[in-house]
Amino acid sequence: ASRRIKKLLKCSGCGCLCNDTPTFQEHCSAVEHDDDFMFECEEVEVEVEEEANPEESPYFDLYNTSDQPLSTLFPGKFSVGGVEFPTLEHCIQCQR
């Protein structure tokens, strides 16, 4: 995942970070601040980690379907040490 700098608004009353002015206004009306709070914020820069594009990910989601038989829940009998298991998940759970 890559990192980038993002500008956010930081509430001077509680330090909450908001994406934009409307979000800051909504925050101020929903959160109770002390009596000295003047509805002020400051722009700050934070480093954020961007999530990888799922199409570029080296990982795969596996499901219990005939076209994805690598799922741990796919019904496929096998035996380990003389014990027969109906799925890989059963084997994994028995090893715990």
PDB file of N, CA and C in Angstrom:
ATOM      1  N   ALA A   1       0.842  -1.177   0.000  1.00  0.00           N
ATOM      2  CA  ALA A   1       0.000   0.000   0.000  1.00  0.00           C
ATOM      3  C   ALA A   1       0.889   1.242   0.000  1.00  0.00           C
ATOM      4  N   SER A   2       0.447   2.255  -0.693  1.00  0.00           N
ATOM      5  CA  SER A   2       1.237   3.485  -0.782  1.00  0.00           C
ATOM      6  C   SER A   2       0.773   4.493   0.265  1.00  0.00           C
ATOM      7  N   ARG A   3       1.625   5.446   0.533  1.00  0.00           N
ATOM      8  CA  ARG A   3       1.305   6.495   1.502  1.00  0.00           C
ATOM      9  C   ARG A   3       1.245   7.825   0.775  1.00  0.00           C
ATOM     10  N   ARG A   4       0.372   8.707   1.277  1.00  0.00           N
ATOM     11  CA  ARG A   4       0.290  10.050   0.707  1.00  0.00           C
ATOM     12  C   ARG A   4      -0.102  11.016   1.815  1.00  0.00           C
ATOM     13  N   ILE A   5       0.098  12.303   1.556  1.00  0.00           N
ATOM     14  CA  ILE A   5      -0.253  13.355   2.502  1.00  0.00           C
ATOM     15  C   ILE A   5      -1.657  13.834   2.170  1.00  0.00           C
ATOM     16  N   LYS A   6      -2.502  13.968   3.202  1.00  0.00           N
ATOM     17  CA  LYS A   6      -3.876  14.416   3.023  1.00  0.00           C
ATOM     18  C   LYS A   6      -4.124  15.580   3.975  1.00  0.00           C
ATOM     19  N   LYS A   7      -4.796  16.630   3.479  1.00  0.00           N
ATOM     20  CA  LYS A   7      -5.139  17.778   4.323  1.00  0.00           C
ATOM     21  C   LYS A   7      -6.491  17.530   4.968  1.00  0.00           C
ATOM     22  N   LEU A   8      -6.548  17.707   6.297  1.00  0.00           N
ATOM     23  CA  LEU A   8      -7.768  17.526   7.068  1.00  0.00           C
ATOM     24  C   LEU A   8      -7.982  18.737   7.964  1.00  0.00           C
ATOM     25  N   LEU A   9      -9.171  18.859   8.492  1.00  0.00           N
ATOM     26  CA  LEU A   9      -9.484  19.914   9.459  1.00  0.00           C
ATOM     27  C   LEU A   9      -9.476  19.310  10.856  1.00  0.00           C
ATOM     28  N   LYS A  10      -8.729  19.941  11.757  1.00  0.00           N
ATOM     29  CA  LYS A  10      -8.629  19.469  13.136  1.00  0.00           C
ATOM     30  C   LYS A  10      -9.427  20.400  14.035  1.00  0.00           C
ATOM     31  N   CYS A  11     -10.384  19.851  14.739  1.00  0.00           N
ATOM     32  CA  CYS A  11     -11.222  20.624  15.658  1.00  0.00           C
ATOM     33  C   CYS A  11     -10.359  21.138  16.804  1.00  0.00           C
ATOM     34  N   SER A  12     -10.431  22.452  17.077  1.00  0.00           N
ATOM     35  CA  SER A  12      -9.633  23.030  18.165  1.00  0.00           C
ATOM     36  C   SER A  12     -10.200  22.680  19.536  1.00  0.00           C
ATOM     37  N   GLY A  13     -11.438  22.206  19.564  1.00  0.00           N
ATOM     38  CA  GLY A  13     -12.049  21.858  20.843  1.00  0.00           C
ATOM     39  C   GLY A  13     -11.694  20.473  21.337  1.00  0.00           C
ATOM     40  N   CYS A  14     -11.653  19.496  20.424  1.00  0.00           N
ATOM     41  CA  CYS A  14     -11.423  18.122  20.875  1.00  0.00           C
ATOM     42  C   CYS A  14     -10.357  17.383  20.072  1.00  0.00           C
ATOM     43  N   GLY A  15      -9.872  17.975  18.971  1.00  0.00           N
ATOM     44  CA  GLY A  15      -8.833  17.340  18.182  1.00  0.00           C
ATOM     45  C   GLY A  15      -9.335  16.371  17.128  1.00  0.00           C
ATOM     46  N   CYS A  16     -10.639  16.271  16.958  1.00  0.00           N
ATOM     47  CA  CYS A  16     -11.222  15.381  15.957  1.00  0.00           C
ATOM     48  C   CYS A  16     -10.792  15.823  14.561  1.00  0.00           C
ATOM     49  N   LEU A  17     -10.458  14.860  13.702  1.00  0.00           N
ATOM     50  CA  LEU A  17     -10.069  15.164  12.335  1.00  0.00           C
ATOM     51  C   LEU A  17     -11.270  14.988  11.412  1.00  0.00           C
ATOM     52  N   CYS A  18     -11.537  15.993  10.589  1.00  0.00           N
ATOM     53  CA  CYS A  18     -12.676  15.980   9.668  1.00  0.00           C
ATOM     54  C   CYS A  18     -12.168  16.162   8.244  1.00  0.00           C
ATOM     55  N   ASN A  19     -12.845  15.525   7.294  1.00  0.00           N
ATOM     56  CA  ASN A  19     -12.420  15.585   5.895  1.00  0.00           C
ATOM     57  C   ASN A  19     -12.632  16.948   5.256  1.00  0.00           C
ATOM     58  N   ASP A  20     -13.725  17.637   5.625  1.00  0.00           N
ATOM     59  CA  ASP A  20     -14.056  18.895   4.953  1.00  0.00           C
ATOM     60  C   ASP A  20     -14.887  19.775   5.884  1.00  0.00           C
ATOM     61  N   THR A  21     -15.226  20.973   5.403  1.00  0.00           N
ATOM     62  CA  THR A  21     -15.973  21.931   6.213  1.00  0.00           C
ATOM     63  C   THR A  21     -17.356  21.425   6.610  1.00  0.00           C
ATOM     64  N   PRO A  22     -18.149  20.852   5.686  1.00  0.00           N
ATOM     65  CA  PRO A  22     -19.458  20.343   6.107  1.00  0.00           C
ATOM     66  C   PRO A  22     -19.359  19.262   7.187  1.00  0.00           C
ATOM     67  N   THR A  23     -18.350  18.418   7.097  1.00  0.00           N
ATOM     68  CA  THR A  23     -18.159  17.382   8.117  1.00  0.00           C
ATOM     69  C   THR A  23     -17.788  18.018   9.449  1.00  0.00           C
ATOM     70  N   PHE A  24     -16.949  19.066   9.408  1.00  0.00           N
ATOM     71  CA  PHE A  24     -16.577  19.769  10.633  1.00  0.00           C
ATOM     72  C   PHE A  24     -17.802  20.429  11.265  1.00  0.00           C
ATOM     73  N   GLN A  25     -18.647  21.061  10.442  1.00  0.00           N
ATOM     74  CA  GLN A  25     -19.863  21.698  10.963  1.00  0.00           C
ATOM     75  C   GLN A  25     -20.795  20.668  11.594  1.00  0.00           C
ATOM     76  N   GLU A  26     -20.939  19.523  10.956  1.00  0.00           N
ATOM     77  CA  GLU A  26     -21.784  18.468  11.514  1.00  0.00           C
ATOM     78  C   GLU A  26     -21.209  17.962  12.828  1.00  0.00           C
ATOM     79  N   HIS A  27     -19.889  17.815  12.884  1.00  0.00           N
ATOM     80  CA  HIS A  27     -19.216  17.384  14.110  1.00  0.00           C
ATOM     81  C   HIS A  27     -19.496  18.363  15.247  1.00  0.00           C
ATOM     82  N   CYS A  28     -19.363  19.671  14.960  1.00  0.00           N
ATOM     83  CA  CYS A  28     -19.548  20.699  15.990  1.00  0.00           C
ATOM     84  C   CYS A  28     -20.967  20.718  16.532  1.00  0.00           C
ATOM     85  N   SER A  29     -21.936  20.402  15.684  1.00  0.00           N
ATOM     86  CA  SER A  29     -23.321  20.406  16.164  1.00  0.00           C
ATOM     87  C   SER A  29     -23.673  19.122  16.910  1.00  0.00           C
ATOM     88  N   ALA A  30     -22.923  18.053  16.675  1.00  0.00           N
ATOM     89  CA  ALA A  30     -23.243  16.776  17.305  1.00  0.00           C
ATOM     90  C   ALA A  30     -22.457  16.528  18.594  1.00  0.00           C
ATOM     91  N   VAL A  31     -21.252  17.096  18.697  1.00  0.00           N
ATOM     92  CA  VAL A  31     -20.384  16.852  19.845  1.00  0.00           C
ATOM     93  C   VAL A  31     -20.410  18.054  20.773  1.00  0.00           C
ATOM     94  N   GLU A  32     -20.566  17.793  22.055  1.00  0.00           N
ATOM     95  CA  GLU A  32     -20.597  18.875  23.038  1.00  0.00           C
ATOM     96  C   GLU A  32     -19.166  19.244  23.430  1.00  0.00           C
ATOM     97  N   HIS A  33     -18.814  20.508  23.260  1.00  0.00           N
ATOM     98  CA  HIS A  33     -17.491  21.018  23.620  1.00  0.00           C
ATOM     99  C   HIS A  33     -17.627  21.904  24.855  1.00  0.00           C
ATOM    100  N   ASP A  34     -16.494  22.333  25.402  1.00  0.00           N
ATOM    101  CA  ASP A  34     -16.569  23.179  26.607  1.00  0.00           C
ATOM    102  C   ASP A  34     -17.084  24.579  26.258  1.00  0.00           C
ATOM    103  N   ASP A  35     -17.314  25.392  27.272  1.00  0.00           N
ATOM    104  CA  ASP A  35     -17.918  26.718  27.094  1.00  0.00           C
ATOM    105  C   ASP A  35     -17.032  27.686  26.315  1.00  0.00           C
ATOM    106  N   ASP A  36     -15.735  27.476  26.292  1.00  0.00           N
ATOM    107  CA  ASP A  36     -14.816  28.379  25.601  1.00  0.00           C
ATOM    108  C   ASP A  36     -14.660  28.055  24.117  1.00  0.00           C
ATOM    109  N   PHE A  37     -15.280  26.988  23.648  1.00  0.00           N
ATOM    110  CA  PHE A  37     -15.126  26.555  22.253  1.00  0.00           C
ATOM    111  C   PHE A  37     -15.716  27.585  21.306  1.00  0.00           C
ATOM    112  N   MET A  38     -14.930  27.987  20.297  1.00  0.00           N
ATOM    113  CA  MET A  38     -15.353  29.041  19.372  1.00  0.00           C
ATOM    114  C   MET A  38     -15.593  28.524  17.950  1.00  0.00           C
ATOM    115  N   PHE A  39     -15.845  27.230  17.795  1.00  0.00           N
ATOM    116  CA  PHE A  39     -16.095  26.621  16.481  1.00  0.00           C
ATOM    117  C   PHE A  39     -14.946  26.902  15.525  1.00  0.00           C
ATOM    118  N   GLU A  40     -13.740  26.693  16.015  1.00  0.00           N
ATOM    119  CA  GLU A  40     -12.552  26.920  15.213  1.00  0.00           C
ATOM    120  C   GLU A  40     -11.891  25.597  14.872  1.00  0.00           C
ATOM    121  N   CYS A  41     -11.229  25.605  13.718  1.00  0.00           N
ATOM    122  CA  CYS A  41     -10.477  24.424  13.313  1.00  0.00           C
ATOM    123  C   CYS A  41      -9.195  24.900  12.647  1.00  0.00           C
ATOM    124  N   GLU A  42      -8.262  24.002  12.488  1.00  0.00           N
ATOM    125  CA  GLU A  42      -7.032  24.317  11.777  1.00  0.00           C
ATOM    126  C   GLU A  42      -6.788  23.235  10.737  1.00  0.00           C
ATOM    127  N   GLU A  43      -6.180  23.630   9.625  1.00  0.00           N
ATOM    128  CA  GLU A  43      -5.869  22.662   8.583  1.00  0.00           C
ATOM    129  C   GLU A  43      -4.559  21.974   8.934  1.00  0.00           C
ATOM    130  N   VAL A  44      -4.569  20.657   8.928  1.00  0.00           N
ATOM    131  CA  VAL A  44      -3.368  19.881   9.237  1.00  0.00           C
ATOM    132  C   VAL A  44      -3.118  18.887   8.104  1.00  0.00           C
ATOM    133  N   GLU A  45      -1.876  18.472   7.982  1.00  0.00           N
ATOM    134  CA  GLU A  45      -1.522  17.456   6.999  1.00  0.00           C
ATOM    135  C   GLU A  45      -1.212  16.165   7.741  1.00  0.00           C
ATOM    136  N   VAL A  46      -1.818  15.086   7.280  1.00  0.00           N
ATOM    137  CA  VAL A  46      -1.566  13.782   7.877  1.00  0.00           C
ATOM    138  C   VAL A  46      -1.138  12.813   6.783  1.00  0.00           C
ATOM    139  N   GLU A  47      -0.349  11.836   7.164  1.00  0.00           N
ATOM    140  CA  GLU A  47       0.080  10.813   6.225  1.00  0.00           C
ATOM    141  C   GLU A  47      -0.912   9.657   6.318  1.00  0.00           C
ATOM    142  N   VAL A  48      -1.492   9.298   5.194  1.00  0.00           N
ATOM    143  CA  VAL A  48      -2.468   8.216   5.163  1.00  0.00           C
ATOM    144  C   VAL A  48      -1.955   7.105   4.253  1.00  0.00           C
ATOM    145  N   GLU A  49      -2.359   5.899   4.587  1.00  0.00           N
ATOM    146  CA  GLU A  49      -1.991   4.745   3.784  1.00  0.00           C
ATOM    147  C   GLU A  49      -3.162   4.407   2.888  1.00  0.00           C
ATOM    148  N   GLU A  50      -2.909   4.415   1.596  1.00  0.00           N
ATOM    149  CA  GLU A  50      -3.968   4.084   0.651  1.00  0.00           C
ATOM    150  C   GLU A  50      -4.051   2.581   0.511  1.00  0.00           C
ATOM    151  N   GLU A  51      -5.279   2.079   0.437  1.00  0.00           N
ATOM    152  CA  GLU A  51      -5.466   0.653   0.263  1.00  0.00           C
ATOM    153  C   GLU A  51      -5.119   0.269  -1.166  1.00  0.00           C
ATOM    154  N   ALA A  52      -4.602  -0.914  -1.300  1.00  0.00           N
ATOM    155  CA  ALA A  52      -4.225  -1.405  -2.622  1.00  0.00           C
ATOM    156  C   ALA A  52      -5.474  -1.658  -3.453  1.00  0.00           C
ATOM    157  N   ASN A  53      -5.323  -1.503  -4.733  1.00  0.00           N
ATOM    158  CA  ASN A  53      -6.399  -1.806  -5.661  1.00  0.00           C
ATOM    159  C   ASN A  53      -6.640  -3.310  -5.605  1.00  0.00           C
ATOM    160  N   PRO A  54      -7.890  -3.757  -5.335  1.00  0.00           N
ATOM    161  CA  PRO A  54      -8.148  -5.189  -5.205  1.00  0.00           C
ATOM    162  C   PRO A  54      -7.771  -5.984  -6.456  1.00  0.00           C
ATOM    163  N   GLU A  55      -7.809  -5.340  -7.618  1.00  0.00           N
ATOM    164  CA  GLU A  55      -7.453  -6.047  -8.845  1.00  0.00           C
ATOM    165  C   GLU A  55      -5.953  -6.302  -8.921  1.00  0.00           C
ATOM    166  N   GLU A  56      -5.163  -5.538  -8.161  1.00  0.00           N
ATOM    167  CA  GLU A  56      -3.716  -5.706  -8.165  1.00  0.00           C
ATOM    168  C   GLU A  56      -3.238  -6.553  -6.992  1.00  0.00           C
ATOM    169  N   SER A  57      -4.123  -6.950  -6.113  1.00  0.00           N
ATOM    170  CA  SER A  57      -3.762  -7.677  -4.912  1.00  0.00           C
ATOM    171  C   SER A  57      -3.288  -9.092  -5.242  1.00  0.00           C
ATOM    172  N   PRO A  58      -2.232  -9.561  -4.563  1.00  0.00           N
ATOM    173  CA  PRO A  58      -1.781 -10.932  -4.789  1.00  0.00           C
ATOM    174  C   PRO A  58      -2.627 -11.960  -4.033  1.00  0.00           C
ATOM    175  N   TYR A  59      -3.632 -11.502  -3.268  1.00  0.00           N
ATOM    176  CA  TYR A  59      -4.461 -12.391  -2.467  1.00  0.00           C
ATOM    177  C   TYR A  59      -5.810 -12.594  -3.137  1.00  0.00           C
ATOM    178  N   PHE A  60      -6.414 -13.720  -2.851  1.00  0.00           N
ATOM    179  CA  PHE A  60      -7.695 -14.061  -3.448  1.00  0.00           C
ATOM    180  C   PHE A  60      -8.688 -14.426  -2.360  1.00  0.00           C
ATOM    181  N   ASP A  61      -9.951 -14.110  -2.588  1.00  0.00           N
ATOM    182  CA  ASP A  61     -11.023 -14.571  -1.714  1.00  0.00           C
ATOM    183  C   ASP A  61     -11.500 -15.908  -2.248  1.00  0.00           C
ATOM    184  N   LEU A  62     -11.629 -16.877  -1.379  1.00  0.00           N
ATOM    185  CA  LEU A  62     -12.057 -18.204  -1.794  1.00  0.00           C
ATOM    186  C   LEU A  62     -13.440 -18.487  -1.235  1.00  0.00           C
ATOM    187  N   TYR A  63     -14.285 -19.058  -2.055  1.00  0.00           N
ATOM    188  CA  TYR A  63     -15.658 -19.331  -1.659  1.00  0.00           C
ATOM    189  C   TYR A  63     -15.953 -20.813  -1.824  1.00  0.00           C
ATOM    190  N   ASN A  64     -17.013 -21.269  -1.213  1.00  0.00           N
ATOM    191  CA  ASN A  64     -17.413 -22.661  -1.256  1.00  0.00           C
ATOM    192  C   ASN A  64     -18.244 -22.936  -2.503  1.00  0.00           C
ATOM    193  N   THR A  65     -17.611 -22.890  -3.664  1.00  0.00           N
ATOM    194  CA  THR A  65     -18.301 -23.149  -4.924  1.00  0.00           C
ATOM    195  C   THR A  65     -17.481 -24.134  -5.742  1.00  0.00           C
ATOM    196  N   SER A  66     -18.126 -24.765  -6.698  1.00  0.00           N
ATOM    197  CA  SER A  66     -17.420 -25.749  -7.515  1.00  0.00           C
ATOM    198  C   SER A  66     -16.341 -25.117  -8.384  1.00  0.00           C
ATOM    199  N   ASP A  67     -16.497 -23.825  -8.702  1.00  0.00           N
ATOM    200  CA  ASP A  67     -15.464 -23.174  -9.506  1.00  0.00           C
ATOM    201  C   ASP A  67     -14.312 -22.646  -8.658  1.00  0.00           C
ATOM    202  N   GLN A  68     -14.428 -22.721  -7.320  1.00  0.00           N
ATOM    203  CA  GLN A  68     -13.339 -22.326  -6.434  1.00  0.00           C
ATOM    204  C   GLN A  68     -13.122 -23.409  -5.377  1.00  0.00           C
ATOM    205  N   PRO A  69     -12.602 -24.555  -5.783  1.00  0.00           N
ATOM    206  CA  PRO A  69     -12.466 -25.664  -4.843  1.00  0.00           C
ATOM    207  C   PRO A  69     -11.330 -25.510  -3.834  1.00  0.00           C
ATOM    208  N   LEU A  70     -10.647 -24.375  -3.830  1.00  0.00           N
ATOM    209  CA  LEU A  70      -9.565 -24.184  -2.866  1.00  0.00           C
ATOM    210  C   LEU A  70     -10.048 -23.636  -1.535  1.00  0.00           C
ATOM    211  N   SER A  71     -11.325 -23.368  -1.403  1.00  0.00           N
ATOM    212  CA  SER A  71     -11.868 -22.880  -0.148  1.00  0.00           C
ATOM    213  C   SER A  71     -11.696 -23.948   0.928  1.00  0.00           C
ATOM    214  N   THR A  72     -11.463 -23.511   2.163  1.00  0.00           N
ATOM    215  CA  THR A  72     -11.344 -24.477   3.260  1.00  0.00           C
ATOM    216  C   THR A  72     -12.677 -25.153   3.560  1.00  0.00           C
ATOM    217  N   LEU A  73     -13.763 -24.580   3.052  1.00  0.00           N
ATOM    218  CA  LEU A  73     -15.091 -25.166   3.287  1.00  0.00           C
ATOM    219  C   LEU A  73     -15.580 -26.013   2.120  1.00  0.00           C
ATOM    220  N   PHE A  74     -14.789 -26.118   1.064  1.00  0.00           N
ATOM    221  CA  PHE A  74     -15.211 -26.907  -0.091  1.00  0.00           C
ATOM    222  C   PHE A  74     -15.287 -28.380   0.311  1.00  0.00           C
ATOM    223  N   PRO A  75     -16.417 -29.033   0.028  1.00  0.00           N
ATOM    224  CA  PRO A  75     -16.549 -30.450   0.423  1.00  0.00           C
ATOM    225  C   PRO A  75     -15.643 -31.344  -0.413  1.00  0.00           C
ATOM    226  N   GLY A  76     -14.601 -31.796   0.201  1.00  0.00           N
ATOM    227  CA  GLY A  76     -13.656 -32.687  -0.469  1.00  0.00           C
ATOM    228  C   GLY A  76     -12.996 -33.560   0.579  1.00  0.00           C
ATOM    229  N   LYS A  77     -13.407 -34.813   0.645  1.00  0.00           N
ATOM    230  CA  LYS A  77     -12.891 -35.707   1.693  1.00  0.00           C
ATOM    231  C   LYS A  77     -11.411 -36.003   1.482  1.00  0.00           C
ATOM    232  N   PHE A  78     -10.685 -36.028   2.603  1.00  0.00           N
ATOM    233  CA  PHE A  78      -9.288 -36.432   2.586  1.00  0.00           C
ATOM    234  C   PHE A  78      -8.925 -36.901   3.978  1.00  0.00           C
ATOM    235  N   SER A  79      -7.797 -37.566   4.097  1.00  0.00           N
ATOM    236  CA  SER A  79      -7.404 -38.069   5.410  1.00  0.00           C
ATOM    237  C   SER A  79      -6.008 -37.594   5.758  1.00  0.00           C
ATOM    238  N   VAL A  80      -5.806 -37.374   7.042  1.00  0.00           N
ATOM    239  CA  VAL A  80      -4.514 -36.968   7.578  1.00  0.00           C
ATOM    240  C   VAL A  80      -4.241 -37.857   8.770  1.00  0.00           C
ATOM    241  N   GLY A  81      -3.162 -38.590   8.729  1.00  0.00           N
ATOM    242  CA  GLY A  81      -2.808 -39.478   9.837  1.00  0.00           C
ATOM    243  C   GLY A  81      -3.867 -40.522  10.119  1.00  0.00           C
ATOM    244  N   GLY A  82      -4.553 -40.973   9.095  1.00  0.00           N
ATOM    245  CA  GLY A  82      -5.573 -42.001   9.268  1.00  0.00           C
ATOM    246  C   GLY A  82      -6.937 -41.471   9.681  1.00  0.00           C
ATOM    247  N   VAL A  83      -7.075 -40.177   9.887  1.00  0.00           N
ATOM    248  CA  VAL A  83      -8.349 -39.566  10.252  1.00  0.00           C
ATOM    249  C   VAL A  83      -8.938 -38.906   9.013  1.00  0.00           C
ATOM    250  N   GLU A  84     -10.196 -39.253   8.699  1.00  0.00           N
ATOM    251  CA  GLU A  84     -10.834 -38.698   7.504  1.00  0.00           C
ATOM    252  C   GLU A  84     -11.605 -37.426   7.858  1.00  0.00           C
ATOM    253  N   PHE A  85     -11.451 -36.407   7.019  1.00  0.00           N
ATOM    254  CA  PHE A  85     -12.121 -35.123   7.213  1.00  0.00           C
ATOM    255  C   PHE A  85     -12.950 -34.793   5.973  1.00  0.00           C
ATOM    256  N   PRO A  86     -14.163 -34.214   6.172  1.00  0.00           N
ATOM    257  CA  PRO A  86     -14.999 -33.865   5.021  1.00  0.00           C
ATOM    258  C   PRO A  86     -14.549 -32.582   4.317  1.00  0.00           C
ATOM    259  N   THR A  87     -13.862 -31.701   5.051  1.00  0.00           N
ATOM    260  CA  THR A  87     -13.356 -30.455   4.477  1.00  0.00           C
ATOM    261  C   THR A  87     -12.025 -30.113   5.138  1.00  0.00           C
ATOM    262  N   LEU A  88     -11.273 -29.221   4.518  1.00  0.00           N
ATOM    263  CA  LEU A  88     -10.032 -28.753   5.109  1.00  0.00           C
ATOM    264  C   LEU A  88     -10.305 -28.007   6.412  1.00  0.00           C
ATOM    265  N   GLU A  89     -11.417 -27.272   6.471  1.00  0.00           N
ATOM    266  CA  GLU A  89     -11.767 -26.527   7.685  1.00  0.00           C
ATOM    267  C   GLU A  89     -11.922 -27.464   8.880  1.00  0.00           C
ATOM    268  N   HIS A  90     -12.525 -28.640   8.667  1.00  0.00           N
ATOM    269  CA  HIS A  90     -12.650 -29.616   9.752  1.00  0.00           C
ATOM    270  C   HIS A  90     -11.271 -30.040  10.257  1.00  0.00           C
ATOM    271  N   CYS A  91     -10.360 -30.258   9.341  1.00  0.00           N
ATOM    272  CA  CYS A  91      -9.008 -30.650   9.708  1.00  0.00           C
ATOM    273  C   CYS A  91      -8.326 -29.543  10.507  1.00  0.00           C
ATOM    274  N   ILE A  92      -8.452 -28.294  10.028  1.00  0.00           N
ATOM    275  CA  ILE A  92      -7.833 -27.154  10.714  1.00  0.00           C
ATOM    276  C   ILE A  92      -8.378 -27.028  12.134  1.00  0.00           C
ATOM    277  N   GLN A  93      -9.694 -27.147  12.296  1.00  0.00           N
ATOM    278  CA  GLN A  93     -10.313 -27.002  13.610  1.00  0.00           C
ATOM    279  C   GLN A  93      -9.886 -28.120  14.558  1.00  0.00           C
ATOM    280  N   CYS A  94      -9.680 -29.311  14.034  1.00  0.00           N
ATOM    281  CA  CYS A  94      -9.253 -30.425  14.876  1.00  0.00           C
ATOM    282  C   CYS A  94      -7.799 -30.282  15.328  1.00  0.00           C
ATOM    283  N   GLN A  95      -7.017 -29.514  14.605  1.00  0.00           N
ATOM    284  CA  GLN A  95      -5.614 -29.311  14.960  1.00  0.00           C
ATOM    285  C   GLN A  95      -5.447 -28.291  16.076  1.00  0.00           C
ATOM    286  N   ARG A  96      -6.473 -27.540  16.401  1.00  0.00           N
ATOM    287  CA  ARG A  96      -6.371 -26.494  17.433  1.00  0.00           C
ATOM    288  C   ARG A  96      -6.395 -27.056  18.811  1.00  0.00           C
TER     289      ARG A  96
END
